[in-house]
Amino acid sequence: MKNVKPPAWLRLALKLLLNAIVLAFVGYALWSSVRGHEAEALAVLRRFDWATGAALLGLGLGNLLVSHFAWQTITRRLGIAIPYFDSLRIWAFSTLGRYVPGKVMLLVARTYYYRRRGEPAVWVGYAVILEHLFALASAIVVMLIALTQANLDALQGLRWVGWIGLLPLALLLAPRLMNWAIGRLAHRLGAEERRDLSTGDFLLFLAIFLGGWVILGLGNYVLISRIGGIGWEYFVYVTGAHALAGIAGVLALFAPSGLGVKDGLLFFFLSRIMPAYQASLATVGLRIWLNGVELLMVGFGWLALRLPATPATDARTQKTPGG
């Protein structure tokens, strides 16, 4: 019997309905935790000043620029070398794809604009896969390191999970395995050539994304400490909690930017170290902060794409796959 797929509009409607249910549940939980603590919540909000806002803006944009640097590094290692400004504006605008259910728009936007600059879609698509793979791997590393350093009594018994969990990630640094996977995937996508990467390339990708987590972790700490007054001993914990929540948000394909899923997990973990109303404020604050700087970057990309393309003569001389 032939399988009949539901129409596209019905699948989209179901995704939106599921997202609305999750968002409503998390929103109600957050509101319930603040209700009855309105005066304390207002006092917390008064702690924020222009210096804190400027620090959060700088750290948020810094994290995004590190993420773009990772993308630029991956594409150049694959022999895709367009000028930096062109790469930045395409990457920035494609960030809008995180807010579309299914998260396919990101791939479509980058493929479209890179093809207009003469780059093959197959390798742009593979670069997107590598970008997400190492972004996810870096988040897992941060989460597992947080487990190994956990100071909370409830997490003491999970330290061994962190140490053991770090071992399989070494497979990402094995050039034979990764290059075999690259070749198989590229062949299935229609590529006739093979572009091998080295262990040094994979280490570089992971290191750049981990650098981004340091910046993001500092932003997390600045915002959460202003709300809950937590000390530096919780820096690794809140960064690891954000990493785990971010992983869940990425895997929840129905949720634009992990909306609802990521927030619910963040609230759960933050409520272990601060009162529930403060955890609620921190969760909402983190969402506003990160989405705000992302949308600023999207706006920059949208405006910058209306400028003429940068001459590619300098970039073309750097197209050396694997080097």
C-alpha atoms as a PDB file:
ATOM      1  CA  MET A   1       0.000   0.000   0.000  1.00  0.00           C
ATOM      2  CA  LYS A   2       1.407   3.373  -0.987  1.00  0.00           C
ATOM      3  CA  ASN A   3       2.124   5.758   1.883  1.00  0.00           C
ATOM      4  CA  VAL A   4       0.163   8.995   1.640  1.00  0.00           C
ATOM      5  CA  LYS A   5       1.868  12.039   3.171  1.00  0.00           C
ATOM      6  CA  PRO A   6      -0.382  14.677   4.734  1.00  0.00           C
ATOM      7  CA  PRO A   7      -0.463  17.980   2.832  1.00  0.00           C
ATOM      8  CA  ALA A   8       2.207  20.548   3.621  1.00  0.00           C
ATOM      9  CA  TRP A   9      -0.277  22.987   5.167  1.00  0.00           C
ATOM     10  CA  LEU A  10      -1.464  20.317   7.613  1.00  0.00           C
ATOM     11  CA  ARG A  11       2.092  19.422   8.659  1.00  0.00           C
ATOM     12  CA  LEU A  12       2.867  23.105   9.214  1.00  0.00           C
ATOM     13  CA  ALA A  13      -0.354  23.570  11.184  1.00  0.00           C
ATOM     14  CA  LEU A  14       0.490  20.609  13.419  1.00  0.00           C
ATOM     15  CA  LYS A  15       4.008  21.966  14.044  1.00  0.00           C
ATOM     16  CA  LEU A  16       2.596  25.375  14.952  1.00  0.00           C
ATOM     17  CA  LEU A  17      -0.025  23.788  17.214  1.00  0.00           C
ATOM     18  CA  LEU A  18       2.585  21.696  19.017  1.00  0.00           C
ATOM     19  CA  ASN A  19       4.811  24.729  19.422  1.00  0.00           C
ATOM     20  CA  ALA A  20       1.881  26.771  20.753  1.00  0.00           C
ATOM     21  CA  ILE A  21       1.075  24.085  23.341  1.00  0.00           C
ATOM     22  CA  VAL A  22       4.694  23.890  24.538  1.00  0.00           C
ATOM     23  CA  LEU A  23       5.010  27.678  24.601  1.00  0.00           C
ATOM     24  CA  ALA A  24       1.739  28.083  26.503  1.00  0.00           C
ATOM     25  CA  PHE A  25       2.789  25.498  29.099  1.00  0.00           C
ATOM     26  CA  VAL A  26       6.213  27.075  29.631  1.00  0.00           C
ATOM     27  CA  GLY A  27       4.765  30.587  29.614  1.00  0.00           C
ATOM     28  CA  TYR A  28       2.223  29.651  32.276  1.00  0.00           C
ATOM     29  CA  ALA A  29       4.951  28.056  34.416  1.00  0.00           C
ATOM     30  CA  LEU A  30       7.102  31.184  34.151  1.00  0.00           C
ATOM     31  CA  TRP A  31       4.214  33.515  34.956  1.00  0.00           C
ATOM     32  CA  SER A  32       3.085  31.377  37.905  1.00  0.00           C
ATOM     33  CA  SER A  33       6.564  31.562  39.414  1.00  0.00           C
ATOM     34  CA  VAL A  34       6.571  35.390  39.261  1.00  0.00           C
ATOM     35  CA  ARG A  35       2.996  35.873  40.486  1.00  0.00           C
ATOM     36  CA  GLY A  36       3.057  36.995  44.095  1.00  0.00           C
ATOM     37  CA  HIS A  37       6.626  38.305  43.757  1.00  0.00           C
ATOM     38  CA  GLU A  38       5.920  41.362  41.630  1.00  0.00           C
ATOM     39  CA  ALA A  39       7.657  43.772  44.007  1.00  0.00           C
ATOM     40  CA  GLU A  40      10.797  41.610  44.174  1.00  0.00           C
ATOM     41  CA  ALA A  41      10.778  41.231  40.386  1.00  0.00           C
ATOM     42  CA  LEU A  42      10.632  45.012  39.896  1.00  0.00           C
ATOM     43  CA  ALA A  43      13.499  45.448  42.341  1.00  0.00           C
ATOM     44  CA  VAL A  44      15.545  42.951  40.328  1.00  0.00           C
ATOM     45  CA  LEU A  45      14.854  44.774  37.055  1.00  0.00           C
ATOM     46  CA  ARG A  46      16.050  48.046  38.597  1.00  0.00           C
ATOM     47  CA  ARG A  47      19.519  46.512  39.012  1.00  0.00           C
ATOM     48  CA  PHE A  48      20.093  46.732  35.270  1.00  0.00           C
ATOM     49  CA  ASP A  49      21.843  49.814  33.957  1.00  0.00           C
ATOM     50  CA  TRP A  50      23.333  51.040  30.678  1.00  0.00           C
ATOM     51  CA  ALA A  51      26.697  49.453  31.452  1.00  0.00           C
ATOM     52  CA  THR A  52      25.104  46.022  31.879  1.00  0.00           C
ATOM     53  CA  GLY A  53      23.119  46.490  28.674  1.00  0.00           C
ATOM     54  CA  ALA A  54      26.240  47.524  26.754  1.00  0.00           C
ATOM     55  CA  ALA A  55      28.160  44.536  28.116  1.00  0.00           C
ATOM     56  CA  LEU A  56      25.391  42.136  27.097  1.00  0.00           C
ATOM     57  CA  LEU A  57      25.149  43.695  23.631  1.00  0.00           C
ATOM     58  CA  GLY A  58      28.910  43.428  23.127  1.00  0.00           C
ATOM     59  CA  LEU A  59      29.079  39.830  24.369  1.00  0.00           C
ATOM     60  CA  GLY A  60      26.058  38.802  22.302  1.00  0.00           C
ATOM     61  CA  LEU A  61      27.437  40.283  19.096  1.00  0.00           C
ATOM     62  CA  GLY A  62      30.885  38.894  19.928  1.00  0.00           C
ATOM     63  CA  ASN A  63      29.447  35.396  20.228  1.00  0.00           C
ATOM     64  CA  LEU A  64      27.734  35.737  16.836  1.00  0.00           C
ATOM     65  CA  LEU A  65      30.915  37.010  15.180  1.00  0.00           C
ATOM     66  CA  VAL A  66      32.815  34.008  16.554  1.00  0.00           C
ATOM     67  CA  SER A  67      30.100  31.747  15.129  1.00  0.00           C
ATOM     68  CA  HIS A  68      30.509  33.415  11.758  1.00  0.00           C
ATOM     69  CA  PHE A  69      34.285  33.018  12.001  1.00  0.00           C
ATOM     70  CA  ALA A  70      33.688  29.290  12.484  1.00  0.00           C
ATOM     71  CA  TRP A  71      31.506  29.253   9.343  1.00  0.00           C
ATOM     72  CA  GLN A  72      34.104  31.190   7.368  1.00  0.00           C
ATOM     73  CA  THR A  73      36.829  28.775   8.513  1.00  0.00           C
ATOM     74  CA  ILE A  74      34.784  25.700   7.566  1.00  0.00           C
ATOM     75  CA  THR A  75      33.926  27.029   4.110  1.00  0.00           C
ATOM     76  CA  ARG A  76      37.523  28.007   3.351  1.00  0.00           C
ATOM     77  CA  ARG A  77      38.785  24.592   4.443  1.00  0.00           C
ATOM     78  CA  LEU A  78      36.305  23.112   1.953  1.00  0.00           C
ATOM     79  CA  GLY A  79      37.579  25.391  -0.805  1.00  0.00           C
ATOM     80  CA  ILE A  80      34.647  27.820  -0.700  1.00  0.00           C
ATOM     81  CA  ALA A  81      36.317  31.208  -0.530  1.00  0.00           C
ATOM     82  CA  ILE A  82      34.177  34.277  -1.035  1.00  0.00           C
ATOM     83  CA  PRO A  83      35.163  37.677   0.423  1.00  0.00           C
ATOM     84  CA  TYR A  84      34.685  38.075   4.171  1.00  0.00           C
ATOM     85  CA  PHE A  85      32.031  40.792   3.950  1.00  0.00           C
ATOM     86  CA  ASP A  86      29.949  38.739   1.500  1.00  0.00           C
ATOM     87  CA  SER A  87      30.227  35.722   3.767  1.00  0.00           C
ATOM     88  CA  LEU A  88      29.233  37.768   6.816  1.00  0.00           C
ATOM     89  CA  ARG A  89      26.135  39.310   5.280  1.00  0.00           C
ATOM     90  CA  ILE A  90      24.918  35.985   3.859  1.00  0.00           C
ATOM     91  CA  TRP A  91      25.525  34.229   7.178  1.00  0.00           C
ATOM     92  CA  ALA A  92      23.849  37.041   9.126  1.00  0.00           C
ATOM     93  CA  PHE A  93      20.706  37.095   6.990  1.00  0.00           C
ATOM     94  CA  SER A  94      20.424  33.289   6.955  1.00  0.00           C
ATOM     95  CA  THR A  95      20.237  33.353  10.769  1.00  0.00           C
ATOM     96  CA  LEU A  96      16.574  34.203  10.234  1.00  0.00           C
ATOM     97  CA  GLY A  97      16.138  30.526   9.290  1.00  0.00           C
ATOM     98  CA  ARG A  98      16.382  29.563  12.968  1.00  0.00           C
ATOM     99  CA  TYR A  99      12.993  31.192  13.486  1.00  0.00           C
ATOM    100  CA  VAL A 100      11.216  29.157  10.794  1.00  0.00           C
ATOM    101  CA  PRO A 101       9.772  25.755  11.841  1.00  0.00           C
ATOM    102  CA  GLY A 102      11.886  22.956  10.357  1.00  0.00           C
ATOM    103  CA  LYS A 103      14.966  25.239  10.256  1.00  0.00           C
ATOM    104  CA  VAL A 104      15.421  24.612   6.504  1.00  0.00           C
ATOM    105  CA  MET A 105      15.447  28.268   5.470  1.00  0.00           C
ATOM    106  CA  LEU A 106      18.988  28.685   6.806  1.00  0.00           C
ATOM    107  CA  LEU A 107      20.319  26.101   4.340  1.00  0.00           C
ATOM    108  CA  VAL A 108      18.180  27.420   1.487  1.00  0.00           C
ATOM    109  CA  ALA A 109      19.312  31.032   1.997  1.00  0.00           C
ATOM    110  CA  ARG A 110      23.013  30.217   2.149  1.00  0.00           C
ATOM    111  CA  THR A 111      22.854  27.868  -0.829  1.00  0.00           C
ATOM    112  CA  TYR A 112      20.995  30.470  -2.903  1.00  0.00           C
ATOM    113  CA  TYR A 113      23.391  33.348  -2.219  1.00  0.00           C
ATOM    114  CA  TYR A 114      26.545  31.241  -2.508  1.00  0.00           C
ATOM    115  CA  ARG A 115      25.375  29.787  -5.842  1.00  0.00           C
ATOM    116  CA  ARG A 116      24.896  33.344  -7.102  1.00  0.00           C
ATOM    117  CA  ARG A 117      28.614  33.793  -6.382  1.00  0.00           C
ATOM    118  CA  GLY A 118      29.549  30.665  -8.316  1.00  0.00           C
ATOM    119  CA  GLU A 119      29.933  28.219  -5.417  1.00  0.00           C
ATOM    120  CA  PRO A 120      28.541  24.658  -5.750  1.00  0.00           C
ATOM    121  CA  ALA A 121      25.460  23.985  -3.648  1.00  0.00           C
ATOM    122  CA  VAL A 122      26.687  20.546  -2.568  1.00  0.00           C
ATOM    123  CA  TRP A 123      29.712  21.909  -0.686  1.00  0.00           C
ATOM    124  CA  VAL A 124      27.757  24.794   0.810  1.00  0.00           C
ATOM    125  CA  GLY A 125      25.255  22.230   2.076  1.00  0.00           C
ATOM    126  CA  TYR A 126      28.030  20.114   3.527  1.00  0.00           C
ATOM    127  CA  ALA A 127      29.552  23.176   5.200  1.00  0.00           C
ATOM    128  CA  VAL A 128      26.187  23.828   6.878  1.00  0.00           C
ATOM    129  CA  ILE A 129      26.153  20.217   8.125  1.00  0.00           C
ATOM    130  CA  LEU A 130      29.694  20.549   9.490  1.00  0.00           C
ATOM    131  CA  GLU A 131      28.812  23.859  11.129  1.00  0.00           C
ATOM    132  CA  HIS A 132      25.836  22.362  12.954  1.00  0.00           C
ATOM    133  CA  LEU A 133      27.734  19.174  13.809  1.00  0.00           C
ATOM    134  CA  PHE A 134      30.590  21.002  15.513  1.00  0.00           C
ATOM    135  CA  ALA A 135      28.278  23.578  17.114  1.00  0.00           C
ATOM    136  CA  LEU A 136      26.345  20.664  18.608  1.00  0.00           C
ATOM    137  CA  ALA A 137      29.572  18.878  19.600  1.00  0.00           C
ATOM    138  CA  SER A 138      30.878  22.006  21.345  1.00  0.00           C
ATOM    139  CA  ALA A 139      27.604  22.337  23.274  1.00  0.00           C
ATOM    140  CA  ILE A 140      27.891  18.695  24.341  1.00  0.00           C
ATOM    141  CA  VAL A 141      31.507  19.256  25.448  1.00  0.00           C
ATOM    142  CA  VAL A 142      30.440  22.278  27.535  1.00  0.00           C
ATOM    143  CA  MET A 143      27.554  20.323  29.058  1.00  0.00           C
ATOM    144  CA  LEU A 144      29.762  17.332  29.924  1.00  0.00           C
ATOM    145  CA  ILE A 145      32.500  19.527  31.389  1.00  0.00           C
ATOM    146  CA  ALA A 146      29.827  21.203  33.518  1.00  0.00           C
ATOM    147  CA  LEU A 147      28.822  17.758  34.800  1.00  0.00           C
ATOM    148  CA  THR A 148      32.410  16.906  35.748  1.00  0.00           C
ATOM    149  CA  GLN A 149      32.700  20.166  37.691  1.00  0.00           C
ATOM    150  CA  ALA A 150      29.237  20.072  39.253  1.00  0.00           C
ATOM    151  CA  ASN A 151      29.123  21.320  42.848  1.00  0.00           C
ATOM    152  CA  LEU A 152      25.412  20.704  43.417  1.00  0.00           C
ATOM    153  CA  ASP A 153      24.549  17.698  45.583  1.00  0.00           C
ATOM    154  CA  ALA A 154      21.891  16.580  43.098  1.00  0.00           C
ATOM    155  CA  LEU A 155      24.516  16.306  40.332  1.00  0.00           C
ATOM    156  CA  GLN A 156      27.422  14.803  42.238  1.00  0.00           C
ATOM    157  CA  GLY A 157      26.523  11.277  41.144  1.00  0.00           C
ATOM    158  CA  LEU A 158      26.561  12.303  37.473  1.00  0.00           C
ATOM    159  CA  ARG A 159      30.202  13.357  37.267  1.00  0.00           C
ATOM    160  CA  TRP A 160      31.235  10.015  35.783  1.00  0.00           C
ATOM    161  CA  VAL A 161      28.718  10.571  32.956  1.00  0.00           C
ATOM    162  CA  GLY A 162      30.605  13.714  31.979  1.00  0.00           C
ATOM    163  CA  TRP A 163      34.001  12.009  31.817  1.00  0.00           C
ATOM    164  CA  ILE A 164      32.733   8.971  29.904  1.00  0.00           C
ATOM    165  CA  GLY A 165      30.605  11.099  27.588  1.00  0.00           C
ATOM    166  CA  LEU A 166      33.635  13.070  26.404  1.00  0.00           C
ATOM    167  CA  LEU A 167      35.285   9.949  24.946  1.00  0.00           C
ATOM    168  CA  PRO A 168      32.958   9.344  21.919  1.00  0.00           C
ATOM    169  CA  LEU A 169      33.472  12.945  20.814  1.00  0.00           C
ATOM    170  CA  ALA A 170      37.038  11.976  19.890  1.00  0.00           C
ATOM    171  CA  LEU A 171      35.507  10.296  16.817  1.00  0.00           C
ATOM    172  CA  LEU A 172      34.858  13.781  15.401  1.00  0.00           C
ATOM    173  CA  LEU A 173      38.617  14.301  15.258  1.00  0.00           C
ATOM    174  CA  ALA A 174      39.361  11.058  13.354  1.00  0.00           C
ATOM    175  CA  PRO A 175      40.221  12.176   9.795  1.00  0.00           C
ATOM    176  CA  ARG A 176      39.622   8.800   8.129  1.00  0.00           C
ATOM    177  CA  LEU A 177      36.145   8.431   9.585  1.00  0.00           C
ATOM    178  CA  MET A 178      35.134  12.030   8.952  1.00  0.00           C
ATOM    179  CA  ASN A 179      36.571  12.157   5.431  1.00  0.00           C
ATOM    180  CA  TRP A 180      34.861   8.873   4.584  1.00  0.00           C
ATOM    181  CA  ALA A 181      31.568  10.367   5.791  1.00  0.00           C
ATOM    182  CA  ILE A 182      32.272  13.560   3.837  1.00  0.00           C
ATOM    183  CA  GLY A 183      32.973  11.601   0.668  1.00  0.00           C
ATOM    184  CA  ARG A 184      29.876   9.399   1.008  1.00  0.00           C
ATOM    185  CA  LEU A 185      27.581  12.318   1.693  1.00  0.00           C
ATOM    186  CA  ALA A 186      29.057  14.493  -1.059  1.00  0.00           C
ATOM    187  CA  HIS A 187      28.772  11.627  -3.553  1.00  0.00           C
ATOM    188  CA  ARG A 188      25.111  11.087  -2.669  1.00  0.00           C
ATOM    189  CA  LEU A 189      24.512  14.806  -3.141  1.00  0.00           C
ATOM    190  CA  GLY A 190      26.071  14.713  -6.594  1.00  0.00           C
ATOM    191  CA  ALA A 191      29.651  15.906  -6.055  1.00  0.00           C
ATOM    192  CA  GLU A 192      32.254  14.351  -8.344  1.00  0.00           C
ATOM    193  CA  GLU A 193      35.300  15.448  -6.349  1.00  0.00           C
ATOM    194  CA  ARG A 194      36.500  14.712  -2.812  1.00  0.00           C
ATOM    195  CA  ARG A 195      37.783  17.336  -0.393  1.00  0.00           C
ATOM    196  CA  ASP A 196      39.538  15.809   2.599  1.00  0.00           C
ATOM    197  CA  LEU A 197      40.020  17.580   5.917  1.00  0.00           C
ATOM    198  CA  SER A 198      42.649  16.938   8.588  1.00  0.00           C
ATOM    199  CA  THR A 199      42.524  16.379  12.353  1.00  0.00           C
ATOM    200  CA  GLY A 200      43.887  19.905  12.701  1.00  0.00           C
ATOM    201  CA  ASP A 201      40.891  21.227  10.761  1.00  0.00           C
ATOM    202  CA  PHE A 202      38.432  19.400  13.010  1.00  0.00           C
ATOM    203  CA  LEU A 203      40.257  20.575  16.157  1.00  0.00           C
ATOM    204  CA  LEU A 204      40.165  24.139  14.845  1.00  0.00           C
ATOM    205  CA  PHE A 205      36.401  23.978  14.191  1.00  0.00           C
ATOM    206  CA  LEU A 206      35.759  22.650  17.698  1.00  0.00           C
ATOM    207  CA  ALA A 207      38.108  25.175  19.331  1.00  0.00           C
ATOM    208  CA  ILE A 208      36.409  28.139  17.634  1.00  0.00           C
ATOM    209  CA  PHE A 209      32.961  27.033  18.748  1.00  0.00           C
ATOM    210  CA  LEU A 210      34.239  26.455  22.292  1.00  0.00           C
ATOM    211  CA  GLY A 211      35.631  29.999  22.220  1.00  0.00           C
ATOM    212  CA  GLY A 212      32.135  31.176  21.371  1.00  0.00           C
ATOM    213  CA  TRP A 213      30.815  29.332  24.422  1.00  0.00           C
ATOM    214  CA  VAL A 214      33.275  31.215  26.648  1.00  0.00           C
ATOM    215  CA  ILE A 215      31.834  34.520  25.389  1.00  0.00           C
ATOM    216  CA  LEU A 216      28.250  33.240  25.618  1.00  0.00           C
ATOM    217  CA  GLY A 217      28.932  31.897  29.111  1.00  0.00           C
ATOM    218  CA  LEU A 218      30.187  35.309  30.227  1.00  0.00           C
ATOM    219  CA  GLY A 219      26.994  36.891  28.903  1.00  0.00           C
ATOM    220  CA  ASN A 220      24.917  34.255  30.695  1.00  0.00           C
ATOM    221  CA  TYR A 221      26.714  34.959  33.929  1.00  0.00           C
ATOM    222  CA  VAL A 222      26.438  38.746  33.640  1.00  0.00           C
ATOM    223  CA  LEU A 223      22.666  38.583  33.101  1.00  0.00           C
ATOM    224  CA  ILE A 224      21.892  35.831  35.620  1.00  0.00           C
ATOM    225  CA  SER A 225      24.146  37.273  38.327  1.00  0.00           C
ATOM    226  CA  ARG A 226      22.409  40.655  38.039  1.00  0.00           C
ATOM    227  CA  ILE A 227      19.112  38.895  38.672  1.00  0.00           C
ATOM    228  CA  GLY A 228      20.050  36.254  41.229  1.00  0.00           C
ATOM    229  CA  GLY A 229      23.306  37.502  42.705  1.00  0.00           C
ATOM    230  CA  ILE A 230      25.037  34.153  42.103  1.00  0.00           C
ATOM    231  CA  GLY A 231      28.806  33.816  42.497  1.00  0.00           C
ATOM    232  CA  TRP A 232      31.482  32.760  40.005  1.00  0.00           C
ATOM    233  CA  GLU A 233      31.291  29.179  41.292  1.00  0.00           C
ATOM    234  CA  TYR A 234      28.107  28.812  39.250  1.00  0.00           C
ATOM    235  CA  PHE A 235      29.658  30.027  35.978  1.00  0.00           C
ATOM    236  CA  VAL A 236      30.294  26.509  34.630  1.00  0.00           C
ATOM    237  CA  TYR A 237      26.883  25.300  35.830  1.00  0.00           C
ATOM    238  CA  VAL A 238      24.830  28.028  34.127  1.00  0.00           C
ATOM    239  CA  THR A 239      26.889  27.717  30.926  1.00  0.00           C
ATOM    240  CA  GLY A 240      26.392  23.949  30.891  1.00  0.00           C
ATOM    241  CA  ALA A 241      22.678  24.369  31.571  1.00  0.00           C
ATOM    242  CA  HIS A 242      22.440  26.759  28.629  1.00  0.00           C
ATOM    243  CA  ALA A 243      24.323  24.261  26.456  1.00  0.00           C
ATOM    244  CA  LEU A 244      21.949  21.409  27.328  1.00  0.00           C
ATOM    245  CA  ALA A 245      18.891  23.609  26.794  1.00  0.00           C
ATOM    246  CA  GLY A 246      20.354  24.781  23.479  1.00  0.00           C
ATOM    247  CA  ILE A 247      20.880  21.178  22.313  1.00  0.00           C
ATOM    248  CA  ALA A 248      17.244  20.379  23.079  1.00  0.00           C
ATOM    249  CA  GLY A 249      16.146  23.536  21.263  1.00  0.00           C
ATOM    250  CA  VAL A 250      18.110  22.582  18.127  1.00  0.00           C
ATOM    251  CA  LEU A 251      16.693  19.054  18.130  1.00  0.00           C
ATOM    252  CA  ALA A 252      13.126  20.360  18.532  1.00  0.00           C
ATOM    253  CA  LEU A 253      12.613  21.019  14.829  1.00  0.00           C
ATOM    254  CA  PHE A 254       9.020  22.144  15.343  1.00  0.00           C
ATOM    255  CA  ALA A 255      10.088  25.024  17.607  1.00  0.00           C
ATOM    256  CA  PRO A 256      11.456  28.202  15.983  1.00  0.00           C
ATOM    257  CA  SER A 257      14.774  28.970  17.718  1.00  0.00           C
ATOM    258  CA  GLY A 258      13.914  26.276  20.287  1.00  0.00           C
ATOM    259  CA  LEU A 259      11.129  28.507  21.637  1.00  0.00           C
ATOM    260  CA  GLY A 260       9.468  26.920  24.655  1.00  0.00           C
ATOM    261  CA  VAL A 261      11.668  23.820  24.764  1.00  0.00           C
ATOM    262  CA  LYS A 262      14.923  25.641  25.484  1.00  0.00           C
ATOM    263  CA  ASP A 263      13.202  28.048  27.882  1.00  0.00           C
ATOM    264  CA  GLY A 264      11.544  25.291  29.885  1.00  0.00           C
ATOM    265  CA  LEU A 265      14.844  23.476  30.440  1.00  0.00           C
ATOM    266  CA  LEU A 266      16.659  26.692  31.338  1.00  0.00           C
ATOM    267  CA  PHE A 267      13.995  27.537  33.905  1.00  0.00           C
ATOM    268  CA  PHE A 268      14.273  24.055  35.419  1.00  0.00           C
ATOM    269  CA  PHE A 269      18.055  24.221  35.829  1.00  0.00           C
ATOM    270  CA  LEU A 270      18.177  27.831  37.011  1.00  0.00           C
ATOM    271  CA  SER A 271      15.471  27.187  39.603  1.00  0.00           C
ATOM    272  CA  ARG A 272      17.899  24.747  41.265  1.00  0.00           C
ATOM    273  CA  ILE A 273      20.215  27.615  42.247  1.00  0.00           C
ATOM    274  CA  MET A 274      17.862  30.588  42.743  1.00  0.00           C
ATOM    275  CA  PRO A 275      14.244  31.305  43.689  1.00  0.00           C
ATOM    276  CA  ALA A 276      11.703  30.383  41.015  1.00  0.00           C
ATOM    277  CA  TYR A 277      10.707  33.977  40.276  1.00  0.00           C
ATOM    278  CA  GLN A 278      14.365  34.904  39.675  1.00  0.00           C
ATOM    279  CA  ALA A 279      14.825  31.835  37.449  1.00  0.00           C
ATOM    280  CA  SER A 280      11.761  32.927  35.485  1.00  0.00           C
ATOM    281  CA  LEU A 281      13.117  36.452  35.004  1.00  0.00           C
ATOM    282  CA  ALA A 282      16.523  35.076  33.991  1.00  0.00           C
ATOM    283  CA  THR A 283      14.957  32.704  31.455  1.00  0.00           C
ATOM    284  CA  VAL A 284      12.947  35.489  29.823  1.00  0.00           C
ATOM    285  CA  GLY A 285      15.946  37.820  29.976  1.00  0.00           C
ATOM    286  CA  LEU A 286      18.199  35.311  28.230  1.00  0.00           C
ATOM    287  CA  ARG A 287      15.600  34.831  25.489  1.00  0.00           C
ATOM    288  CA  ILE A 288      15.228  38.591  24.917  1.00  0.00           C
ATOM    289  CA  TRP A 289      19.004  39.123  24.957  1.00  0.00           C
ATOM    290  CA  LEU A 290      19.943  36.358  22.521  1.00  0.00           C
ATOM    291  CA  ASN A 291      17.012  36.834  20.150  1.00  0.00           C
ATOM    292  CA  GLY A 292      17.574  40.575  20.207  1.00  0.00           C
ATOM    293  CA  VAL A 293      21.202  40.393  19.088  1.00  0.00           C
ATOM    294  CA  GLU A 294      20.340  37.710  16.508  1.00  0.00           C
ATOM    295  CA  LEU A 295      17.632  39.887  14.985  1.00  0.00           C
ATOM    296  CA  LEU A 296      20.052  42.816  14.927  1.00  0.00           C
ATOM    297  CA  MET A 297      22.424  40.599  12.951  1.00  0.00           C
ATOM    298  CA  VAL A 298      19.605  39.542  10.613  1.00  0.00           C
ATOM    299  CA  GLY A 299      18.750  43.194  10.018  1.00  0.00           C
ATOM    300  CA  PHE A 300      22.384  43.952   9.225  1.00  0.00           C
ATOM    301  CA  GLY A 301      22.502  41.038   6.780  1.00  0.00           C
ATOM    302  CA  TRP A 302      19.262  42.090   5.079  1.00  0.00           C
ATOM    303  CA  LEU A 303      20.528  45.628   4.566  1.00  0.00           C
ATOM    304  CA  ALA A 304      24.055  44.559   3.578  1.00  0.00           C
ATOM    305  CA  LEU A 305      22.775  42.141   0.926  1.00  0.00           C
ATOM    306  CA  ARG A 306      21.386  45.142  -0.926  1.00  0.00           C
ATOM    307  CA  LEU A 307      24.919  46.414  -1.488  1.00  0.00           C
ATOM    308  CA  PRO A 308      26.911  45.276  -4.555  1.00  0.00           C
ATOM    309  CA  ALA A 309      28.854  42.025  -4.230  1.00  0.00           C
ATOM    310  CA  THR A 310      32.489  42.361  -3.170  1.00  0.00           C
ATOM    311  CA  PRO A 311      35.032  41.635  -5.949  1.00  0.00           C
ATOM    312  CA  ALA A 312      36.172  38.043  -5.418  1.00  0.00           C
ATOM    313  CA  THR A 313      39.659  38.208  -6.951  1.00  0.00           C
ATOM    314  CA  ASP A 314      41.492  38.201  -3.597  1.00  0.00           C
ATOM    315  CA  ALA A 315      39.376  35.416  -2.093  1.00  0.00           C
ATOM    316  CA  ARG A 316      39.726  33.091  -5.088  1.00  0.00           C
ATOM    317  CA  THR A 317      43.475  32.854  -4.586  1.00  0.00           C
ATOM    318  CA  GLN A 318      42.851  31.279  -1.180  1.00  0.00           C
ATOM    319  CA  LYS A 319      40.779  28.315  -2.386  1.00  0.00           C
ATOM    320  CA  THR A 320      42.966  25.535  -1.071  1.00  0.00           C
ATOM    321  CA  PRO A 321      40.876  22.649   0.275  1.00  0.00           C
ATOM    322  CA  GLY A 322      42.275  21.128   3.436  1.00  0.00           C
ATOM    323  CA  GLY A 323      44.890  23.855   3.841  1.00  0.00           C
END
